[in-house]
Amino acid sequence: MAEFLALRGCAAFSASRLARLQKAVGESVSGIGLAAEHWYFVELERPLNTEETGRLRDLLGIPGKLPAAPGGRLVLVTPRLGTISPWSSKATDIARNCGFAMVKRIERGTAFHVSGPRGDDSQESALAARLHDRMTESVTTSIDAAGALFHHVAPQPLTTVDLLGGGRGALVKANVELGLALSDDEIDYLAANFGKLGRNPTDVELMMFAQANSEHCRHKIFNASWTLDGVDQPLSLFGMIRETHKAHPHGTVVAYSDNAAVIEGAPIRRFYPRADRGYAYSDQLTHILAKVETHNHPTAISPFPGAATGSGGEIRDEGATGRGSKPKAGLCGFSVSDLRIPDYAQPWESGYGKPDRIASALDIMIEGPLGAAAFNNEFGRPNLAGYFRSFEQELRGEMRGYHKPIMIAGGIGNIAAEDSFKKRFPAGTLLIQLGGPGMLIGLGGGAASSMATGSNTADLDFASVQRGNPEMQRRAQEVIDRCWQMSWQQGGNPILAIHDVGAGGISNAMPELAHDAGCGAALDLRALPSEEPGMSPREIWSNEAQERYVLAIAPERVGEFRALCERERCPFAVLGVATDDGQLTVKDEHFGNKPVDMPMEVLLGKAPKLHREARRHPVSMPPLKVADIDLKDAALRVLRLPAVASKNFLITIGDRSVGGFTARDQMVGPWQVPVADVAVTAMGYETIRGECFAMGERTPLALLDAAASARMAVGEAITNLAAADVGEIGRIKLSANWMAAAGHGHEDAALFDAVQAIGIEFCPALGVSIPVGKDSLSMRTKWDVEGVQKQVTAPLSLIVTAFAVVDDVRRTLTPQLRPDAEVGETELVLIDLGFGQNRLGGSALAQVHGVSGDQPPDAEAVSLKAFFDAIQRLNRAGRVLAYHDRADGGLFATICEMSFASHVGVSLNLDGLCYDPLMNDVDGSERFPQIAGRLHDRLITVLFNEELGAVLQIRREHRTAVMQTLRDAGLGSCTHVIGTTNTADEVRVWRNAKLAFGARRGDLQRTWSEVSFQIARLRDDPVCAQEEFDALLDVGDPGLSMTLVTSAGKAGSQSVAPPSGRGTGGGFTLGRRQYEAKGRGLPSCASRASMVMSKWPRPSSAPASRRTTCTCPTCRQAVCISRTSRGWPLAAASPTVTCWAQGRAGPNRCCSTSDCGTSSPPSSVVATASPWESATAAR
């Protein structure tokens, strides 16, 4: 019988975090105090003795003497009963690897001690609700009750739906009770097919069918036939997207047929460990992965796990492309409704309210980015790009906004050319699950994501959200990496095909894997690893526990694969085999039945196809009245709008350099200001070739003109990407992520027009294609308030991400202005792709004044293509010192951000842009009020219109050459010299030789940074946030600087070159840390090895499973020595090791039994950072 041990730990929160929590609790229950401490709960196979208990306390960081326990009543928050927390999986594994074989599982809880009067039941419930997340945690009132974490219950049985006896109505009832989201046609389809089979369907089969055929998985609306305004359309939405690839297939290797798009790359030298000779370079044709996903519904329900698993799922999509590949760098974006930050209300924000079952916009922007960053950090992937928009506005009598948010997760990776396509495998091939165990989380997520928020019950909504374990996913990725890295040896990559486990769990992934190969499958339900023995067959088969993959491997290679999994400590299981009968069979040995026994064609082949009918509706809105707008007030409002304001709080929580490939992240200049246009990574450690990606979105425009909104999103992505050294525009590949409230009003027609605009017209004219994308078409939130129905509907939203190969990662332009004192006299040049139309509809200026405006900006293919080509030529000619595209906030925001990045003032003279031939008297405004009004209006429209374009800083001596290049591109008429830098550190706008606007750069930057500060103040330590915010006023801050010191000890500015020769000393071993907080030890070990390999040869890689722990005789602290199958890696005798705690070397006694030390000088030194972590370096 298992034993239960509870250990009291230290304080659970910092003082600032506890104060913030107490303030939040005080909003629901007044007059109470809070104290919080950790408790650790351990399930043991046998009791621990005193010495073992002491060692376990040391491992958990519990000091020998704890302060007195706080007083007050206990509210104990534990991981949700029936689940295993990600912390537990890591802590349990660490304990077992440190010699605690008797530990079955460790969990951690938080004990809140509440002082003050006890409230009534409703107040106590409100208190508990504030102290825990019902998504991931449970609440109890005693320490002993935490033993329920380890209760094991008997498996729940299979159930069937009595279709034969109850007819179609039985399916209708099951559809509601199980939250299947089946359409009437699908219910008829199932009734007919199971009638032909002559049996009742099981709940397992129904849930599987619902997930596999959900809108989320099958994209039924994008594949539907259409009738628009009474005219049948020749192409589906997806068909129109495919037209872009059909017109321009060059440069795309894989489109539409795998988990990510594969873009043509280049031959490079890839660096990775090999079993026969450690780390080495391999010449390999390497392609680029591109993928962007959405995770909107889960993020609305529970922001942290929703966004975390959104990022995790997209990473798995990349890793499961082809026959296995390598994720490299990510992106993340959010669209939410108005933030309504406490004590920071903005005049344009609405007070419409929200339903209780979803998170507020502010909570989403506090917790969601943390979730995405946490997963990326712990997995070990840098996040280098993104966007953030808030929007909520009443238009034409209905509320439009993002109560159901958009959460975008995307990224790039690399894949070997020979692994870019899955192999069709024969019957008898083993079907395998790789990764963590199944748990009762995320059940029905695919179907739930396909429903409008509010159409499902609250309990089913919460049940459909997953929780992430990035450390387990990292282990699985290491196994995948070892497989594709075997391409050089005989037999090659053992993976024949691979899919990630996402929506629908194994019930969706495994049938898809077999069906794609033209096979059936015979599987064993109980072979699926599970940490919850009480789950029913439906829950085992369809749960969406994360960090899992399904693979096909030939039987003769399973021994090699098993060895790789054991090496990386990654669980795997053989679930069954592929068959040639086209039947999907899942047997259950426990109950002696078959929960699934149906033809693949019924599950995946011929489900009913949708037909959509829609009619267009003309949109007419009043224009924005700029005559009443004060310029200074408008400027400050626009800088405070989240879409324009600093995104610092979103960026600093993420690692931007892990992996060693980052060439351009979001932060620009010595003061690290987040204004970069494009993210750039290197393809390898010994190449200047790379990849770039950038985002674009103009969703408020869709409320005025859906097609223009789509074109502008594509245009913004391309003007952002223009900052990188791409070359030809035809190398650009786009991801299109579509969000809409399908079926609501005239949204279907708007969706059709937007897809047609870029699929049939705009992208083919540009010469770019869209090989990847995603749709989420249930963007509406409904709820009831005292009998009154309320709803918020999102605008049609297209989020575009542009990807391309980069020829030289060093030639990336940034918004950082160069002072004239450094580079000589310079000028600022505006390229206005709106050609003076200055349309304000859907602009930031309109939004901050609570209106939409009338005519939105639009994009035109010929001028945009000419612009991109011209910028590329100017960049390669070295004619551009700084570059920044014009987007949200218009020219004013563009100029401000360039000034912020460089701490350089800017003086604009806008006479040329504001010129009106009807006003030929420059002083007339002083005598004629009507002229003064028109001058004001034109100045406002010039500063705040958001037409496509960019501002360039050039040397004055290069003006003629730059202008000639732009004239040759047909852009002469839209190019204007608009100003210069100044030494006053101010942003000044001149009109008619008069100062129309002037403000200190520091003051404007603080205004621009207010939103980021306000959220950081609520999320992080408020003192630190205030210090960071106040530092913006420090005009004496020199920013970051770097001085390179030569080998002679002299300062210099030359680049550091790698050594010309290799060292001749012995090799060394790099241990890979499996449990580091940010996961850096795993992905960064390759970059570390590449760096030291320039001096020393023959590095090797040692995973956690191949290290021996020894004890330093000087201080008795544990150290680790990496070992290989050939003995200690570098010494004829056992090496001397350096103690991680004391830094002293000496002979050591192995933890096993025998002496391993020697008094002779070591030929290898291996150090560890902690007793349970691996060796980090060897000399």
Foldseek 3Di string as FASTA:
>chain_A
DKDKDKDWAAFDDDPLVLVLLVVVLCVQPNDKHKTKTKMKMWIFQDDDDPVVVVVVCVLVVGDPDDDDDDAAFKKKKWWDAQDADLVWVVSQVLCVLVPRVGTPIMTMIMIMHMDGDDDPPVSVVSSNVSVDDPLTIDIDGDPVVVCSSPDADAADEWAWFPCVVPNLVSVVVLCQVQVLLDDPLQSVLVSVVVVVVVDTAIPLLSLLLSQQPACQNPVQQQQFWEAEPNRTDPHGLVRLQVLLCVLFVPQWDAFPPALWTKGFDAWDWAWAQDPPFFIDTDTFRKIKTWAKDKQQLLCFQPQQQSLLVNQVVQQQSQQQAFLGFFFAAKEKEKEFADQCFPPDDAPLHDDPDADPRTDHPLVNVQRNLLNNQLLCQQLFHFYFAYFYAYHWFDDPHAIATFSRMIMMMIGMTMDTPVRRHAAQDAWPWWKKKWWDAAGQAQRQLSSVLQAFAVPHDSVVSSRNGEGDNNLRLSLRSQLSVNQQVQQVDPPHRQFRHKDAAAQQGQSNQVLVVLVVSQWEWEFELVQGGHPHNHYYSSSSRGHGHHSMMMTTGGPVCVVVSVVSCVQSVIDMTGTGTTHNPQWYWYAYPVVGGTSGTGGSCSSPNCRDRDYDYFYDDADFDAFDDLLPDAPVVLLLLLLQRRRLFFPVLSRPSHDRQFLNFWLDGQFFALFGGRAQLKTWGDPHDPAQKTKIKGKFFQQLCLSFALQQRLQRRVLSRLQSVLLAQFAAPLQKEKEKEKEFQPPPDRGVVSVSNNSNSCSVPQSSLLNYHYRHYGYRHNSKHWDDDPNDIHIYTYGTIIMMMMMGMGRGSVLGAALADDDCVVVNFKFKKKQFQQLLPLACASASSQSSVSHGGHDAAGGDNLLSSLVSNLSSVCSVVVFFRHKHKFAHQGQQSSQLSSCLSHLWEKEWECQVSLPDVVCPDLPCVVVDVVVVSSSSVSVVSNRGHRGIIMMTMGHPVCVVVSLVSCVVSVRNSRMDGTTGIDRPQKYFYDYSNDTSDIDHSLVSSLSSCVVSLSSCCSNDVVVVSVVVSVCSPVSPDPGDDDWDADPVRDTDDDDDDQDPDEADAWEKEAEAWSDDSSSSSHSNLSVVCVRCRSHYPRYRYRYLSFKFWWADPVPRFIWIAGADPVGRRTDPAQFWEAELPPRDTDWICTPPGGTRGDHDHGSKYFGDNHRSTHTHIID
